[in-house]
C-alpha atoms as a PDB file:
ATOM      1  CA  GLY A   1     237.994 -17.903 156.331  1.00  0.00           C
ATOM      2  CA  VAL A   2     234.365 -17.251 157.194  1.00  0.00           C
ATOM      3  CA  SER A   3     232.265 -19.774 159.073  1.00  0.00           C
ATOM      4  CA  LYS A   4     229.092 -20.866 157.313  1.00  0.00           C
ATOM      5  CA  GLU A   5     227.004 -19.582 160.239  1.00  0.00           C
ATOM      6  CA  LYS A   6     228.129 -16.026 159.416  1.00  0.00           C
ATOM      7  CA  LEU A   7     227.424 -16.212 155.693  1.00  0.00           C
ATOM      8  CA  PRO A   8     223.750 -15.102 155.815  1.00  0.00           C
ATOM      9  CA  SER A   9     224.620 -11.941 157.754  1.00  0.00           C
ATOM     10  CA  ILE A  10     227.460 -11.162 155.329  1.00  0.00           C
ATOM     11  CA  TRP A  11     225.209 -11.664 152.300  1.00  0.00           C
ATOM     12  CA  LYS A  12     222.614  -9.420 153.941  1.00  0.00           C
ATOM     13  CA  ALA A  13     225.147  -6.675 154.696  1.00  0.00           C
ATOM     14  CA  LEU A  14     226.490  -6.742 151.141  1.00  0.00           C
ATOM     15  CA  ASP A  15     223.028  -7.272 149.605  1.00  0.00           C
ATOM     16  CA  THR A  16     224.533  -9.804 147.234  1.00  0.00           C
ATOM     17  CA  PRO A  17     223.088 -13.078 145.923  1.00  0.00           C
ATOM     18  CA  SER A  18     224.241 -16.063 147.936  1.00  0.00           C
ATOM     19  CA  GLY A  19     225.044 -18.083 144.856  1.00  0.00           C
ATOM     20  CA  TYR A  20     224.368 -21.788 144.844  1.00  0.00           C
ATOM     21  CA  ALA A  21     226.178 -25.094 144.661  1.00  0.00           C
ATOM     22  CA  TYR A  22     223.199 -27.378 144.344  1.00  0.00           C
ATOM     23  CA  ALA A  23     223.999 -30.702 142.733  1.00  0.00           C
ATOM     24  CA  LYS A  24     221.518 -31.313 139.918  1.00  0.00           C
ATOM     25  CA  ALA A  25     221.323 -27.885 138.325  1.00  0.00           C
ATOM     26  CA  LEU A  26     223.056 -25.487 135.962  1.00  0.00           C
ATOM     27  CA  ARG A  27     226.734 -24.914 136.682  1.00  0.00           C
ATOM     28  CA  THR A  28     228.576 -21.688 135.874  1.00  0.00           C
ATOM     29  CA  VAL A  29     228.644 -21.198 132.107  1.00  0.00           C
ATOM     30  CA  LYS A  30     232.226 -21.379 130.878  1.00  0.00           C
ATOM     31  CA  THR A  31     233.304 -18.907 128.197  1.00  0.00           C
ATOM     32  CA  CYS A  32     236.383 -17.624 126.461  1.00  0.00           C
ATOM     33  CA  VAL A  33     236.969 -13.865 126.178  1.00  0.00           C
ATOM     34  CA  GLY A  34     235.315 -13.654 122.762  1.00  0.00           C
ATOM     35  CA  ASN A  35     235.623 -11.041 120.070  1.00  0.00           C
ATOM     36  CA  ASN A  36     235.819  -8.177 122.569  1.00  0.00           C
ATOM     37  CA  TRP A  37     239.262  -9.262 123.741  1.00  0.00           C
ATOM     38  CA  CYS A  38     240.615 -11.831 121.290  1.00  0.00           C
ATOM     39  CA  ARG A  39     241.717 -11.161 117.716  1.00  0.00           C
ATOM     40  CA  PHE A  40     240.468 -14.612 116.680  1.00  0.00           C
ATOM     41  CA  GLY A  41     236.987 -14.203 118.161  1.00  0.00           C
ATOM     42  CA  THR A  42     234.030 -14.056 115.800  1.00  0.00           C
ATOM     43  CA  GLN A  43     231.228 -13.655 118.383  1.00  0.00           C
ATOM     44  CA  ASP A  44     230.636 -12.185 121.858  1.00  0.00           C
ATOM     45  CA  SER A  45     230.953 -15.399 123.846  1.00  0.00           C
ATOM     46  CA  MET A  46     231.171 -13.686 127.247  1.00  0.00           C
ATOM     47  CA  GLY A  47     227.990 -11.727 126.667  1.00  0.00           C
ATOM     48  CA  PHE A  48     226.105 -14.793 125.459  1.00  0.00           C
ATOM     49  CA  GLY A  49     227.353 -16.868 128.386  1.00  0.00           C
ATOM     50  CA  ILE A  50     226.077 -14.253 130.840  1.00  0.00           C
ATOM     51  CA  GLU A  51     222.694 -14.193 129.093  1.00  0.00           C
ATOM     52  CA  LEU A  52     222.394 -17.979 129.287  1.00  0.00           C
ATOM     53  CA  GLU A  53     223.236 -17.998 132.993  1.00  0.00           C
ATOM     54  CA  LYS A  54     220.557 -15.415 133.682  1.00  0.00           C
ATOM     55  CA  GLU A  55     218.019 -17.347 131.607  1.00  0.00           C
ATOM     56  CA  LEU A  56     218.676 -20.743 133.187  1.00  0.00           C
ATOM     57  CA  GLU A  57     219.925 -20.055 136.715  1.00  0.00           C
ATOM     58  CA  ARG A  58     218.316 -22.065 139.530  1.00  0.00           C
ATOM     59  CA  ALA A  59     216.729 -24.541 137.116  1.00  0.00           C
ATOM     60  CA  TRP A  60     216.734 -28.100 138.404  1.00  0.00           C
ATOM     61  CA  THR A  61     217.664 -30.760 135.872  1.00  0.00           C
ATOM     62  CA  PRO A  62     217.896 -34.574 136.057  1.00  0.00           C
ATOM     63  CA  ALA A  63     221.666 -34.265 136.591  1.00  0.00           C
ATOM     64  CA  LYS A  64     224.223 -31.477 136.630  1.00  0.00           C
ATOM     65  CA  LEU A  65     224.177 -29.331 133.497  1.00  0.00           C
ATOM     66  CA  LYS A  66     227.351 -27.813 132.071  1.00  0.00           C
ATOM     67  CA  LEU A  67     227.386 -25.189 129.327  1.00  0.00           C
ATOM     68  CA  ALA A  68     230.213 -23.459 127.492  1.00  0.00           C
ATOM     69  CA  VAL A  69     230.401 -20.706 124.884  1.00  0.00           C
ATOM     70  CA  SER A  70     233.439 -20.334 122.633  1.00  0.00           C
ATOM     71  CA  GLY A  71     233.831 -17.243 120.497  1.00  0.00           C
ATOM     72  CA  CYS A  72     235.422 -19.055 117.562  1.00  0.00           C
ATOM     73  CA  PRO A  73     236.137 -22.598 116.296  1.00  0.00           C
ATOM     74  CA  ARG A  74     239.415 -22.663 118.257  1.00  0.00           C
ATOM     75  CA  ASN A  75     237.069 -23.603 121.092  1.00  0.00           C
ATOM     76  CA  CYS A  76     239.057 -22.356 124.088  1.00  0.00           C
ATOM     77  CA  ALA A  77     236.013 -22.847 126.362  1.00  0.00           C
ATOM     78  CA  GLU A  78     235.908 -26.593 125.574  1.00  0.00           C
ATOM     79  CA  ALA A  79     232.346 -26.434 124.261  1.00  0.00           C
ATOM     80  CA  SER A  80     232.788 -29.785 122.521  1.00  0.00           C
ATOM     81  CA  ILE A  81     232.682 -31.755 125.803  1.00  0.00           C
ATOM     82  CA  LYS A  82     229.800 -29.966 127.531  1.00  0.00           C
ATOM     83  CA  ASP A  83     226.156 -30.886 127.933  1.00  0.00           C
ATOM     84  CA  ILE A  84     225.451 -27.904 125.711  1.00  0.00           C
ATOM     85  CA  GLY A  85     228.275 -26.268 123.802  1.00  0.00           C
ATOM     86  CA  ILE A  86     227.995 -23.134 121.694  1.00  0.00           C
ATOM     87  CA  VAL A  87     230.694 -22.140 119.217  1.00  0.00           C
ATOM     88  CA  GLY A  88     230.796 -18.800 117.445  1.00  0.00           C
ATOM     89  CA  VAL A  89     231.318 -18.924 113.695  1.00  0.00           C
ATOM     90  CA  GLU A  90     231.151 -16.295 110.982  1.00  0.00           C
ATOM     91  CA  GLY A  91     227.525 -15.237 110.797  1.00  0.00           C
ATOM     92  CA  GLY A  92     226.158 -17.127 113.768  1.00  0.00           C
ATOM     93  CA  TRP A  93     226.482 -19.929 116.298  1.00  0.00           C
ATOM     94  CA  GLU A  94     226.924 -23.689 116.188  1.00  0.00           C
ATOM     95  CA  ILE A  95     225.040 -25.515 118.960  1.00  0.00           C
ATOM     96  CA  TYR A  96     226.364 -28.858 120.192  1.00  0.00           C
ATOM     97  CA  CYS A  97     224.745 -31.178 122.728  1.00  0.00           C
ATOM     98  CA  GLY A  98     225.319 -34.357 124.711  1.00  0.00           C
ATOM     99  CA  GLY A  99     229.011 -33.912 125.447  1.00  0.00           C
ATOM    100  CA  ASN A 100     230.806 -35.122 128.549  1.00  0.00           C
ATOM    101  CA  GLY A 101     234.309 -34.732 129.954  1.00  0.00           C
ATOM    102  CA  GLY A 102     236.023 -36.707 132.684  1.00  0.00           C
ATOM    103  CA  VAL A 103     236.359 -40.480 132.685  1.00  0.00           C
ATOM    104  CA  ARG A 104     233.447 -41.165 130.339  1.00  0.00           C
ATOM    105  CA  LEU A 105     234.519 -38.831 127.565  1.00  0.00           C
ATOM    106  CA  ARG A 106     231.966 -38.118 124.850  1.00  0.00           C
ATOM    107  CA  GLY A 107     232.207 -35.485 122.157  1.00  0.00           C
ATOM    108  CA  ALA A 108     229.166 -33.262 121.808  1.00  0.00           C
ATOM    109  CA  GLU A 109     227.155 -33.662 118.602  1.00  0.00           C
ATOM    110  CA  LEU A 110     226.155 -30.801 116.321  1.00  0.00           C
ATOM    111  CA  LEU A 111     222.502 -30.010 116.910  1.00  0.00           C
ATOM    112  CA  CYS A 112     222.157 -27.060 114.552  1.00  0.00           C
ATOM    113  CA  THR A 113     223.557 -23.717 113.398  1.00  0.00           C
ATOM    114  CA  THR A 114     221.747 -20.440 114.047  1.00  0.00           C
ATOM    115  CA  GLN A 115     222.216 -16.919 112.764  1.00  0.00           C
ATOM    116  CA  THR A 116     221.169 -14.995 115.870  1.00  0.00           C
ATOM    117  CA  THR A 117     221.688 -15.190 119.616  1.00  0.00           C
ATOM    118  CA  GLU A 118     217.921 -15.064 120.137  1.00  0.00           C
ATOM    119  CA  GLU A 119     217.346 -18.104 117.952  1.00  0.00           C
ATOM    120  CA  ALA A 120     220.165 -19.975 119.674  1.00  0.00           C
ATOM    121  CA  THR A 121     218.736 -19.163 123.108  1.00  0.00           C
ATOM    122  CA  GLU A 122     215.301 -20.481 122.141  1.00  0.00           C
ATOM    123  CA  ILE A 123     216.736 -23.764 120.859  1.00  0.00           C
ATOM    124  CA  ILE A 124     218.927 -24.197 123.942  1.00  0.00           C
ATOM    125  CA  LYS A 125     215.971 -23.610 126.266  1.00  0.00           C
ATOM    126  CA  ALA A 126     213.865 -26.105 124.315  1.00  0.00           C
ATOM    127  CA  TYR A 127     216.661 -28.677 124.585  1.00  0.00           C
ATOM    128  CA  VAL A 128     216.994 -28.097 128.336  1.00  0.00           C
ATOM    129  CA  GLN A 129     213.259 -28.528 128.900  1.00  0.00           C
ATOM    130  CA  LEU A 130     213.089 -31.653 126.735  1.00  0.00           C
ATOM    131  CA  TYR A 131     215.966 -33.062 128.780  1.00  0.00           C
ATOM    132  CA  ARG A 132     214.175 -32.145 132.014  1.00  0.00           C
ATOM    133  CA  GLU A 133     211.002 -33.896 130.886  1.00  0.00           C
ATOM    134  CA  GLU A 134     212.405 -37.039 129.274  1.00  0.00           C
ATOM    135  CA  ALA A 135     215.683 -37.943 130.981  1.00  0.00           C
ATOM    136  CA  ARG A 136     215.854 -40.229 133.989  1.00  0.00           C
ATOM    137  CA  TYR A 137     216.799 -38.797 137.366  1.00  0.00           C
ATOM    138  CA  GLY A 138     220.596 -38.676 137.577  1.00  0.00           C
ATOM    139  CA  GLU A 139     221.039 -39.189 133.820  1.00  0.00           C
ATOM    140  CA  ARG A 140     223.464 -36.803 132.117  1.00  0.00           C
ATOM    141  CA  THR A 141     222.690 -35.407 128.674  1.00  0.00           C
ATOM    142  CA  SER A 142     225.394 -37.608 127.148  1.00  0.00           C
ATOM    143  CA  THR A 143     223.622 -40.797 128.231  1.00  0.00           C
ATOM    144  CA  TRP A 144     220.177 -39.399 127.475  1.00  0.00           C
ATOM    145  CA  THR A 145     221.223 -38.297 123.977  1.00  0.00           C
ATOM    146  CA  GLU A 146     222.702 -41.724 123.239  1.00  0.00           C
ATOM    147  CA  ARG A 147     219.591 -43.484 124.523  1.00  0.00           C
ATOM    148  CA  THR A 148     217.122 -41.193 122.768  1.00  0.00           C
ATOM    149  CA  GLY A 149     219.026 -40.562 119.563  1.00  0.00           C
ATOM    150  CA  LEU A 150     220.002 -37.162 118.207  1.00  0.00           C
ATOM    151  CA  ASN A 151     217.552 -37.449 115.315  1.00  0.00           C
ATOM    152  CA  GLN A 152     214.614 -37.812 117.703  1.00  0.00           C
ATOM    153  CA  ILE A 153     215.771 -34.747 119.617  1.00  0.00           C
ATOM    154  CA  LYS A 154     216.049 -32.786 116.377  1.00  0.00           C
ATOM    155  CA  LEU A 155     212.517 -33.825 115.403  1.00  0.00           C
ATOM    156  CA  LYS A 156     211.089 -32.353 118.600  1.00  0.00           C
ATOM    157  CA  ILE A 157     213.201 -29.192 118.690  1.00  0.00           C
ATOM    158  CA  LEU A 158     214.084 -28.248 115.129  1.00  0.00           C
ATOM    159  CA  GLU A 159     211.303 -29.690 112.983  1.00  0.00           C
ATOM    160  CA  ASP A 160     208.320 -29.132 115.287  1.00  0.00           C
ATOM    161  CA  GLU A 161     208.011 -25.359 115.658  1.00  0.00           C
ATOM    162  CA  GLU A 162     204.936 -25.487 117.872  1.00  0.00           C
ATOM    163  CA  GLY A 163     206.484 -28.204 119.994  1.00  0.00           C
ATOM    164  CA  LYS A 164     209.636 -26.139 120.431  1.00  0.00           C
ATOM    165  CA  LYS A 165     207.679 -23.080 121.525  1.00  0.00           C
ATOM    166  CA  ALA A 166     205.672 -25.193 123.958  1.00  0.00           C
ATOM    167  CA  LEU A 167     208.879 -26.549 125.520  1.00  0.00           C
ATOM    168  CA  VAL A 168     210.242 -23.021 125.954  1.00  0.00           C
ATOM    169  CA  ALA A 169     206.945 -21.826 127.434  1.00  0.00           C
ATOM    170  CA  ARG A 170     206.944 -24.638 130.006  1.00  0.00           C
ATOM    171  CA  LEU A 171     210.526 -23.868 130.982  1.00  0.00           C
ATOM    172  CA  ASP A 172     209.762 -20.149 131.325  1.00  0.00           C
ATOM    173  CA  GLU A 173     206.731 -20.930 133.475  1.00  0.00           C
ATOM    174  CA  TYR A 174     208.875 -23.101 135.746  1.00  0.00           C
ATOM    175  CA  LEU A 175     211.744 -20.594 135.948  1.00  0.00           C
ATOM    176  CA  ALA A 176     209.350 -17.792 136.886  1.00  0.00           C
ATOM    177  CA  THR A 177     208.769 -19.532 140.226  1.00  0.00           C
ATOM    178  CA  LEU A 178     212.482 -19.680 141.110  1.00  0.00           C
ATOM    179  CA  ARG A 179     213.681 -16.083 140.878  1.00  0.00           C
ATOM    180  CA  GLY A 180     214.116 -15.475 144.599  1.00  0.00           C
ATOM    181  CA  ASP A 181     217.458 -15.897 146.353  1.00  0.00           C
ATOM    182  CA  PRO A 182     217.291 -19.011 148.584  1.00  0.00           C
ATOM    183  CA  TRP A 183     218.985 -17.477 151.614  1.00  0.00           C
ATOM    184  CA  LYS A 184     216.912 -14.282 151.485  1.00  0.00           C
ATOM    185  CA  ILE A 185     213.736 -16.344 151.357  1.00  0.00           C
ATOM    186  CA  LEU A 186     214.789 -18.576 154.256  1.00  0.00           C
ATOM    187  CA  SER A 187     215.782 -15.559 156.366  1.00  0.00           C
ATOM    188  CA  GLY A 188     212.459 -13.827 155.693  1.00  0.00           C
ATOM    189  CA  ASP A 189     213.995 -10.898 153.794  1.00  0.00           C
ATOM    190  CA  GLN A 190     212.326 -11.872 150.520  1.00  0.00           C
ATOM    191  CA  GLU A 191     209.015 -13.413 149.578  1.00  0.00           C
ATOM    192  CA  GLY A 192     208.982 -16.650 147.689  1.00  0.00           C
ATOM    193  CA  LYS A 193     209.523 -20.340 148.085  1.00  0.00           C
ATOM    194  CA  PRO A 194     213.011 -21.858 147.918  1.00  0.00           C
ATOM    195  CA  SER A 195     213.376 -24.493 145.254  1.00  0.00           C
ATOM    196  CA  LYS A 196     213.988 -28.085 146.262  1.00  0.00           C
ATOM    197  CA  THR A 197     215.940 -30.822 144.597  1.00  0.00           C
ATOM    198  CA  GLY A 198     213.860 -33.110 142.463  1.00  0.00           C
ATOM    199  CA  VAL A 199     211.122 -30.567 141.711  1.00  0.00           C
ATOM    200  CA  GLY A 200     209.010 -31.932 138.877  1.00  0.00           C
ATOM    201  CA  PHE A 201     210.414 -35.454 139.047  1.00  0.00           C
ATOM    202  CA  GLU A 202     208.591 -38.603 140.088  1.00  0.00           C
ATOM    203  CA  SER A 203     210.189 -41.616 141.720  1.00  0.00           C
ATOM    204  CA  LEU A 204     210.011 -44.591 139.384  1.00  0.00           C
ATOM    205  CA  ASN A 205     211.116 -48.167 139.880  1.00  0.00           C
ATOM    206  CA  ILE A 206     212.699 -49.182 136.595  1.00  0.00           C
ATOM    207  CA  GLU A 207     214.479 -52.419 135.857  1.00  0.00           C
ATOM    208  CA  GLU A 208     216.758 -52.519 132.853  1.00  0.00           C
ATOM    209  CA  GLU A 209     218.871 -55.509 131.896  1.00  0.00           C
ATOM    210  CA  GLY A 210     218.379 -56.987 135.343  1.00  0.00           C
ATOM    211  CA  VAL A 211     219.595 -53.851 137.146  1.00  0.00           C
ATOM    212  CA  SER A 212     217.253 -51.863 139.371  1.00  0.00           C
ATOM    213  CA  LEU A 213     217.587 -48.125 138.657  1.00  0.00           C
END
């Protein structure tokens, strides 16, 4: 193995991104092989998953954020239990939200169906930003969606075109400040400012049902 003290010099020699394992942020987008490699695939799930990672990488969220893209309704990438799940269908994509695996299992709910990858990306980014702005610190999308109600989320993302575009614009503005690689910035090899956990969040003392949150 390699000691952690040697990692920066190895990353520098290879000129490769350090990657990240920060807690409350986007995790690696899970995909199936899609229509490029599977006879059942209807859409390019691998390509879309890569695009989503590039769009959303380094973004801090109230809690960890898991995405998955399946190339057909067989759903090999388990999109139905992710914070955001995308399923390829004939002629487009189905977008699901608010799912959760593990002990507190919750099936993701259908948010909408889109015809193009571009439209799907815009809706996903709007959902992520709405979650960033409205969810409590440490609150997963499953809990937030239950508390807020899917219909309210649809109102702000699907039925309010200007509101949706404003959400995407705010997310893009935030992401534009986080494009540097953390280790390169800290070592002085790249200009920028490393992101910190909790960026954009305020500490609030909230009491709900007699429990201090």
